Amino acid sequence: MHDVSSGSWARVTMHREAAFTVHQLGPRHLWSEVDDAYRGWISAGRPTPDQYGLTTTADGAHRVWLDEPSNVITSL
């Protein structure tokens, strides 16, 4: 993975033993962000894509929600 704007990158190498090695560099720890998102998805009961929604406001705010707009997961 590579984030052009921050210069951050992550590389995951899979091994035959089902283990993996992660190398990441830059101000953003990209693999850690992916891992956090995955764990959040698992904790939410593995929702399907159609359960997510996005609300944007006139001032440019974004809210990601699950199942209904009142259940905000994150605000950007």
PDB file of N, CA and C in Angstrom:
ATOM      1  N   MET A   1       0.849  -1.163   0.000  1.00  0.00           N
ATOM      2  CA  MET A   1       0.000   0.000   0.000  1.00  0.00           C
ATOM      3  C   MET A   1       0.896   1.228   0.000  1.00  0.00           C
ATOM      4  N   HIS A   2       0.354   2.306  -0.585  1.00  0.00           N
ATOM      5  CA  HIS A   2       1.134   3.540  -0.642  1.00  0.00           C
ATOM      6  C   HIS A   2       0.181   4.719  -0.586  1.00  0.00           C
ATOM      7  N   ASP A   3       0.459   5.656   0.291  1.00  0.00           N
ATOM      8  CA  ASP A   3      -0.300   6.897   0.370  1.00  0.00           C
ATOM      9  C   ASP A   3       0.577   8.009  -0.187  1.00  0.00           C
ATOM     10  N   VAL A   4       0.251   8.447  -1.374  1.00  0.00           N
ATOM     11  CA  VAL A   4       1.072   9.434  -2.074  1.00  0.00           C
ATOM     12  C   VAL A   4       1.155  10.740  -1.296  1.00  0.00           C
ATOM     13  N   SER A   5       0.046  11.193  -0.706  1.00  0.00           N
ATOM     14  CA  SER A   5       0.048  12.505  -0.043  1.00  0.00           C
ATOM     15  C   SER A   5       0.957  12.558   1.180  1.00  0.00           C
ATOM     16  N   SER A   6       1.089  11.455   1.917  1.00  0.00           N
ATOM     17  CA  SER A   6       1.954  11.487   3.099  1.00  0.00           C
ATOM     18  C   SER A   6       3.292  10.798   2.873  1.00  0.00           C
ATOM     19  N   GLY A   7       3.402  10.047   1.786  1.00  0.00           N
ATOM     20  CA  GLY A   7       4.630   9.291   1.539  1.00  0.00           C
ATOM     21  C   GLY A   7       4.706   8.009   2.348  1.00  0.00           C
ATOM     22  N   SER A   8       3.636   7.659   3.030  1.00  0.00           N
ATOM     23  CA  SER A   8       3.620   6.442   3.842  1.00  0.00           C
ATOM     24  C   SER A   8       3.424   5.224   2.953  1.00  0.00           C
ATOM     25  N   TRP A   9       3.961   4.087   3.400  1.00  0.00           N
ATOM     26  CA  TRP A   9       3.775   2.849   2.668  1.00  0.00           C
ATOM     27  C   TRP A   9       3.766   1.674   3.627  1.00  0.00           C
ATOM     28  N   ALA A  10       3.203   0.574   3.172  1.00  0.00           N
ATOM     29  CA  ALA A  10       3.220  -0.671   3.940  1.00  0.00           C
ATOM     30  C   ALA A  10       3.336  -1.832   2.963  1.00  0.00           C
ATOM     31  N   ARG A  11       4.089  -2.849   3.379  1.00  0.00           N
ATOM     32  CA  ARG A  11       4.235  -4.063   2.584  1.00  0.00           C
ATOM     33  C   ARG A  11       4.009  -5.249   3.502  1.00  0.00           C
ATOM     34  N   VAL A  12       3.167  -6.167   3.067  1.00  0.00           N
ATOM     35  CA  VAL A  12       2.870  -7.372   3.837  1.00  0.00           C
ATOM     36  C   VAL A  12       3.372  -8.563   3.039  1.00  0.00           C
ATOM     37  N   THR A  13       4.191  -9.385   3.677  1.00  0.00           N
ATOM     38  CA  THR A  13       4.727 -10.584   3.041  1.00  0.00           C
ATOM     39  C   THR A  13       4.125 -11.803   3.723  1.00  0.00           C
ATOM     40  N   MET A  14       3.431 -12.622   2.937  1.00  0.00           N
ATOM     41  CA  MET A  14       2.832 -13.845   3.467  1.00  0.00           C
ATOM     42  C   MET A  14       3.878 -14.960   3.437  1.00  0.00           C
ATOM     43  N   HIS A  15       3.827 -15.823   4.440  1.00  0.00           N
ATOM     44  CA  HIS A  15       4.737 -16.960   4.535  1.00  0.00           C
ATOM     45  C   HIS A  15       3.926 -18.251   4.462  1.00  0.00           C
ATOM     46  N   ARG A  16       4.541 -19.321   4.077  1.00  0.00           N
ATOM     47  CA  ARG A  16       3.847 -20.603   3.926  1.00  0.00           C
ATOM     48  C   ARG A  16       3.212 -21.084   5.219  1.00  0.00           C
ATOM     49  N   GLU A  17       3.743 -20.709   6.340  1.00  0.00           N
ATOM     50  CA  GLU A  17       3.223 -21.160   7.633  1.00  0.00           C
ATOM     51  C   GLU A  17       1.975 -20.379   8.046  1.00  0.00           C
ATOM     52  N   ALA A  18       1.409 -19.590   7.145  1.00  0.00           N
ATOM     53  CA  ALA A  18       0.227 -18.754   7.398  1.00  0.00           C
ATOM     54  C   ALA A  18       0.554 -17.542   8.261  1.00  0.00           C
ATOM     55  N   ALA A  19       1.832 -17.300   8.475  1.00  0.00           N
ATOM     56  CA  ALA A  19       2.248 -16.086   9.185  1.00  0.00           C
ATOM     57  C   ALA A  19       2.525 -15.004   8.143  1.00  0.00           C
ATOM     58  N   PHE A  20       2.713 -13.782   8.613  1.00  0.00           N
ATOM     59  CA  PHE A  20       3.056 -12.709   7.690  1.00  0.00           C
ATOM     60  C   PHE A  20       3.963 -11.715   8.386  1.00  0.00           C
ATOM     61  N   THR A  21       4.719 -10.989   7.564  1.00  0.00           N
ATOM     62  CA  THR A  21       5.615  -9.951   8.048  1.00  0.00           C
ATOM     63  C   THR A  21       5.148  -8.628   7.469  1.00  0.00           C
ATOM     64  N   VAL A  22       5.111  -7.601   8.315  1.00  0.00           N
ATOM     65  CA  VAL A  22       4.674  -6.281   7.886  1.00  0.00           C
ATOM     66  C   VAL A  22       5.832  -5.303   8.016  1.00  0.00           C
ATOM     67  N   HIS A  23       6.052  -4.533   6.965  1.00  0.00           N
ATOM     68  CA  HIS A  23       6.998  -3.423   6.990  1.00  0.00           C
ATOM     69  C   HIS A  23       6.199  -2.180   6.619  1.00  0.00           C
ATOM     70  N   GLN A  24       6.320  -1.131   7.414  1.00  0.00           N
ATOM     71  CA  GLN A  24       5.622   0.114   7.098  1.00  0.00           C
ATOM     72  C   GLN A  24       6.477   1.294   7.513  1.00  0.00           C
ATOM     73  N   LEU A  25       6.319   2.383   6.778  1.00  0.00           N
ATOM     74  CA  LEU A  25       7.138   3.555   7.035  1.00  0.00           C
ATOM     75  C   LEU A  25       6.341   4.793   6.665  1.00  0.00           C
ATOM     76  N   GLY A  26       6.577   5.854   7.385  1.00  0.00           N
ATOM     77  CA  GLY A  26       5.915   7.127   7.111  1.00  0.00           C
ATOM     78  C   GLY A  26       5.072   7.574   8.291  1.00  0.00           C
ATOM     79  N   PRO A  27       4.510   8.762   8.190  1.00  0.00           N
ATOM     80  CA  PRO A  27       3.724   9.302   9.307  1.00  0.00           C
ATOM     81  C   PRO A  27       2.429   8.525   9.561  1.00  0.00           C
ATOM     82  N   ARG A  28       1.879   7.898   8.529  1.00  0.00           N
ATOM     83  CA  ARG A  28       0.695   7.053   8.704  1.00  0.00           C
ATOM     84  C   ARG A  28       1.144   5.599   8.734  1.00  0.00           C
ATOM     85  N   HIS A  29       0.647   4.855   9.677  1.00  0.00           N
ATOM     86  CA  HIS A  29       0.926   3.424   9.727  1.00  0.00           C
ATOM     87  C   HIS A  29      -0.221   2.718   9.013  1.00  0.00           C
ATOM     88  N   LEU A  30      -0.088   2.559   7.693  1.00  0.00           N
ATOM     89  CA  LEU A  30      -1.179   2.106   6.846  1.00  0.00           C
ATOM     90  C   LEU A  30      -1.690   0.722   7.223  1.00  0.00           C
ATOM     91  N   TRP A  31      -0.783  -0.220   7.481  1.00  0.00           N
ATOM     92  CA  TRP A  31      -1.247  -1.564   7.838  1.00  0.00           C
ATOM     93  C   TRP A  31      -1.985  -1.538   9.170  1.00  0.00           C
ATOM     94  N   SER A  32      -1.546  -0.728  10.091  1.00  0.00           N
ATOM     95  CA  SER A  32      -2.245  -0.609  11.378  1.00  0.00           C
ATOM     96  C   SER A  32      -3.652  -0.062  11.164  1.00  0.00           C
ATOM     97  N   GLU A  33      -3.814   0.877  10.228  1.00  0.00           N
ATOM     98  CA  GLU A  33      -5.139   1.418   9.920  1.00  0.00           C
ATOM     99  C   GLU A  33      -6.033   0.334   9.316  1.00  0.00           C
ATOM    100  N   VAL A  34      -5.467  -0.472   8.418  1.00  0.00           N
ATOM    101  CA  VAL A  34      -6.239  -1.567   7.820  1.00  0.00           C
ATOM    102  C   VAL A  34      -6.637  -2.570   8.896  1.00  0.00           C
ATOM    103  N   ASP A  35      -5.712  -2.911   9.766  1.00  0.00           N
ATOM    104  CA  ASP A  35      -5.994  -3.865  10.838  1.00  0.00           C
ATOM    105  C   ASP A  35      -7.080  -3.334  11.778  1.00  0.00           C
ATOM    106  N   ASP A  36      -7.014  -2.060  12.131  1.00  0.00           N
ATOM    107  CA  ASP A  36      -8.051  -1.457  12.978  1.00  0.00           C
ATOM    108  C   ASP A  36      -9.416  -1.497  12.299  1.00  0.00           C
ATOM    109  N   ALA A  37      -9.454  -1.197  10.993  1.00  0.00           N
ATOM    110  CA  ALA A  37     -10.716  -1.231  10.250  1.00  0.00           C
ATOM    111  C   ALA A  37     -11.269  -2.652  10.208  1.00  0.00           C
ATOM    112  N   TYR A  38     -10.417  -3.627   9.998  1.00  0.00           N
ATOM    113  CA  TYR A  38     -10.850  -5.025   9.968  1.00  0.00           C
ATOM    114  C   TYR A  38     -11.420  -5.450  11.322  1.00  0.00           C
ATOM    115  N   ARG A  39     -10.724  -5.104  12.381  1.00  0.00           N
ATOM    116  CA  ARG A  39     -11.210  -5.469  13.723  1.00  0.00           C
ATOM    117  C   ARG A  39     -12.540  -4.776  14.035  1.00  0.00           C
ATOM    118  N   GLY A  40     -12.699  -3.537  13.582  1.00  0.00           N
ATOM    119  CA  GLY A  40     -13.970  -2.840  13.761  1.00  0.00           C
ATOM    120  C   GLY A  40     -15.096  -3.525  13.003  1.00  0.00           C
ATOM    121  N   TRP A  41     -14.805  -4.001  11.798  1.00  0.00           N
ATOM    122  CA  TRP A  41     -15.786  -4.717  10.979  1.00  0.00           C
ATOM    123  C   TRP A  41     -16.193  -6.021  11.663  1.00  0.00           C
ATOM    124  N   ILE A  42     -15.220  -6.747  12.201  1.00  0.00           N
ATOM    125  CA  ILE A  42     -15.504  -7.981  12.933  1.00  0.00           C
ATOM    126  C   ILE A  42     -16.369  -7.676  14.152  1.00  0.00           C
ATOM    127  N   SER A  43     -15.995  -6.642  14.920  1.00  0.00           N
ATOM    128  CA  SER A  43     -16.746  -6.267  16.129  1.00  0.00           C
ATOM    129  C   SER A  43     -18.182  -5.859  15.821  1.00  0.00           C
ATOM    130  N   ALA A  44     -18.404  -5.312  14.626  1.00  0.00           N
ATOM    131  CA  ALA A  44     -19.752  -4.876  14.231  1.00  0.00           C
ATOM    132  C   ALA A  44     -20.600  -6.031  13.699  1.00  0.00           C
ATOM    133  N   GLY A  45     -20.051  -7.250  13.718  1.00  0.00           N
ATOM    134  CA  GLY A  45     -20.813  -8.398  13.248  1.00  0.00           C
ATOM    135  C   GLY A  45     -20.657  -8.689  11.773  1.00  0.00           C
ATOM    136  N   ARG A  46     -19.583  -8.207  11.149  1.00  0.00           N
ATOM    137  CA  ARG A  46     -19.290  -8.416   9.729  1.00  0.00           C
ATOM    138  C   ARG A  46     -20.420  -7.928   8.818  1.00  0.00           C
ATOM    139  N   PRO A  47     -20.792  -6.654   8.962  1.00  0.00           N
ATOM    140  CA  PRO A  47     -21.894  -6.135   8.145  1.00  0.00           C
ATOM    141  C   PRO A  47     -21.562  -6.157   6.650  1.00  0.00           C
ATOM    142  N   THR A  48     -22.608  -6.282   5.848  1.00  0.00           N
ATOM    143  CA  THR A  48     -22.464  -6.284   4.393  1.00  0.00           C
ATOM    144  C   THR A  48     -22.394  -4.840   3.882  1.00  0.00           C
ATOM    145  N   PRO A  49     -21.873  -4.633   2.686  1.00  0.00           N
ATOM    146  CA  PRO A  49     -21.724  -3.265   2.162  1.00  0.00           C
ATOM    147  C   PRO A  49     -23.021  -2.459   2.142  1.00  0.00           C
ATOM    148  N   ASP A  50     -24.159  -3.116   1.917  1.00  0.00           N
ATOM    149  CA  ASP A  50     -25.419  -2.377   1.843  1.00  0.00           C
ATOM    150  C   ASP A  50     -25.908  -1.881   3.198  1.00  0.00           C
ATOM    151  N   GLN A  51     -25.216  -2.247   4.271  1.00  0.00           N
ATOM    152  CA  GLN A  51     -25.584  -1.752   5.598  1.00  0.00           C
ATOM    153  C   GLN A  51     -24.917  -0.418   5.930  1.00  0.00           C
ATOM    154  N   TYR A  52     -23.955  -0.010   5.124  1.00  0.00           N
ATOM    155  CA  TYR A  52     -23.238   1.234   5.369  1.00  0.00           C
ATOM    156  C   TYR A  52     -23.869   2.383   4.593  1.00  0.00           C
ATOM    157  N   GLY A  53     -23.743   3.579   5.136  1.00  0.00           N
ATOM    158  CA  GLY A  53     -24.205   4.774   4.446  1.00  0.00           C
ATOM    159  C   GLY A  53     -23.256   5.921   4.698  1.00  0.00           C
ATOM    160  N   LEU A  54     -23.394   6.964   3.907  1.00  0.00           N
ATOM    161  CA  LEU A  54     -22.551   8.143   4.034  1.00  0.00           C
ATOM    162  C   LEU A  54     -23.436   9.375   3.920  1.00  0.00           C
ATOM    163  N   THR A  55     -23.320  10.253   4.884  1.00  0.00           N
ATOM    164  CA  THR A  55     -24.036  11.525   4.851  1.00  0.00           C
ATOM    165  C   THR A  55     -23.006  12.641   4.742  1.00  0.00           C
ATOM    166  N   THR A  56     -23.221  13.547   3.792  1.00  0.00           N
ATOM    167  CA  THR A  56     -22.368  14.727   3.672  1.00  0.00           C
ATOM    168  C   THR A  56     -23.220  15.966   3.913  1.00  0.00           C
ATOM    169  N   THR A  57     -22.608  16.976   4.483  1.00  0.00           N
ATOM    170  CA  THR A  57     -23.327  18.207   4.783  1.00  0.00           C
ATOM    171  C   THR A  57     -22.792  19.349   3.927  1.00  0.00           C
ATOM    172  N   ALA A  58     -23.516  20.429   3.899  1.00  0.00           N
ATOM    173  CA  ALA A  58     -23.140  21.584   3.077  1.00  0.00           C
ATOM    174  C   ALA A  58     -21.771  22.150   3.463  1.00  0.00           C
ATOM    175  N   ASP A  59     -21.384  21.994   4.722  1.00  0.00           N
ATOM    176  CA  ASP A  59     -20.083  22.520   5.156  1.00  0.00           C
ATOM    177  C   ASP A  59     -18.930  21.559   4.868  1.00  0.00           C
ATOM    178  N   GLY A  60     -19.231  20.421   4.201  1.00  0.00           N
ATOM    179  CA  GLY A  60     -18.181  19.486   3.801  1.00  0.00           C
ATOM    180  C   GLY A  60     -17.912  18.361   4.781  1.00  0.00           C
ATOM    181  N   ALA A  61     -18.658  18.294   5.876  1.00  0.00           N
ATOM    182  CA  ALA A  61     -18.466  17.202   6.834  1.00  0.00           C
ATOM    183  C   ALA A  61     -19.016  15.897   6.252  1.00  0.00           C
ATOM    184  N   HIS A  62     -18.395  14.793   6.630  1.00  0.00           N
ATOM    185  CA  HIS A  62     -18.825  13.466   6.197  1.00  0.00           C
ATOM    186  C   HIS A  62     -19.064  12.595   7.426  1.00  0.00           C
ATOM    187  N   ARG A  63     -20.154  11.843   7.408  1.00  0.00           N
ATOM    188  CA  ARG A  63     -20.441  10.896   8.487  1.00  0.00           C
ATOM    189  C   ARG A  63     -20.712   9.529   7.873  1.00  0.00           C
ATOM    190  N   VAL A  64     -19.937   8.545   8.284  1.00  0.00           N
ATOM    191  CA  VAL A  64     -20.160   7.168   7.857  1.00  0.00           C
ATOM    192  C   VAL A  64     -21.000   6.500   8.935  1.00  0.00           C
ATOM    193  N   TRP A  65     -22.077   5.820   8.503  1.00  0.00           N
ATOM    194  CA  TRP A  65     -22.971   5.200   9.473  1.00  0.00           C
ATOM    195  C   TRP A  65     -23.271   3.758   9.084  1.00  0.00           C
ATOM    196  N   LEU A  66     -23.770   3.012  10.069  1.00  0.00           N
ATOM    197  CA  LEU A  66     -24.100   1.609   9.886  1.00  0.00           C
ATOM    198  C   LEU A  66     -25.573   1.404  10.201  1.00  0.00           C
ATOM    199  N   ASP A  67     -26.309   0.841   9.262  1.00  0.00           N
ATOM    200  CA  ASP A  67     -27.732   0.499   9.364  1.00  0.00           C
ATOM    201  C   ASP A  67     -28.685   1.689   9.310  1.00  0.00           C
ATOM    202  N   GLU A  68     -28.365   2.765  10.001  1.00  0.00           N
ATOM    203  CA  GLU A  68     -29.232   3.947   9.973  1.00  0.00           C
ATOM    204  C   GLU A  68     -28.405   5.189  10.274  1.00  0.00           C
ATOM    205  N   PRO A  69     -28.791   6.342   9.757  1.00  0.00           N
ATOM    206  CA  PRO A  69     -27.978   7.559   9.907  1.00  0.00           C
ATOM    207  C   PRO A  69     -27.675   7.960  11.352  1.00  0.00           C
ATOM    208  N   SER A  70     -28.497   7.543  12.297  1.00  0.00           N
ATOM    209  CA  SER A  70     -28.229   7.896  13.694  1.00  0.00           C
ATOM    210  C   SER A  70     -27.104   7.050  14.311  1.00  0.00           C
ATOM    211  N   ASN A  71     -26.695   5.963  13.642  1.00  0.00           N
ATOM    212  CA  ASN A  71     -25.638   5.085  14.153  1.00  0.00           C
ATOM    213  C   ASN A  71     -24.325   5.424  13.453  1.00  0.00           C
ATOM    214  N   VAL A  72     -23.767   6.595  13.779  1.00  0.00           N
ATOM    215  CA  VAL A  72     -22.545   7.096  13.141  1.00  0.00           C
ATOM    216  C   VAL A  72     -21.332   6.297  13.628  1.00  0.00           C
ATOM    217  N   ILE A  73     -20.552   5.812  12.667  1.00  0.00           N
ATOM    218  CA  ILE A  73     -19.323   5.077  12.983  1.00  0.00           C
ATOM    219  C   ILE A  73     -18.141   6.029  13.085  1.00  0.00           C
ATOM    220  N   THR A  74     -18.076   6.950  12.142  1.00  0.00           N
ATOM    221  CA  THR A  74     -16.967   7.896  12.125  1.00  0.00           C
ATOM    222  C   THR A  74     -17.394   9.187  11.438  1.00  0.00           C
ATOM    223  N   SER A  75     -16.778  10.279  11.828  1.00  0.00           N
ATOM    224  CA  SER A  75     -17.011  11.582  11.206  1.00  0.00           C
ATOM    225  C   SER A  75     -15.680  12.086  10.661  1.00  0.00           C
ATOM    226  N   LEU A  76     -15.744  12.645   9.468  1.00  0.00           N
ATOM    227  CA  LEU A  76     -14.508  13.157   8.828  1.00  0.00           C
ATOM    228  C   LEU A  76     -14.686  14.616   8.494  1.00  0.00           C
TER     229      LEU A  76
END
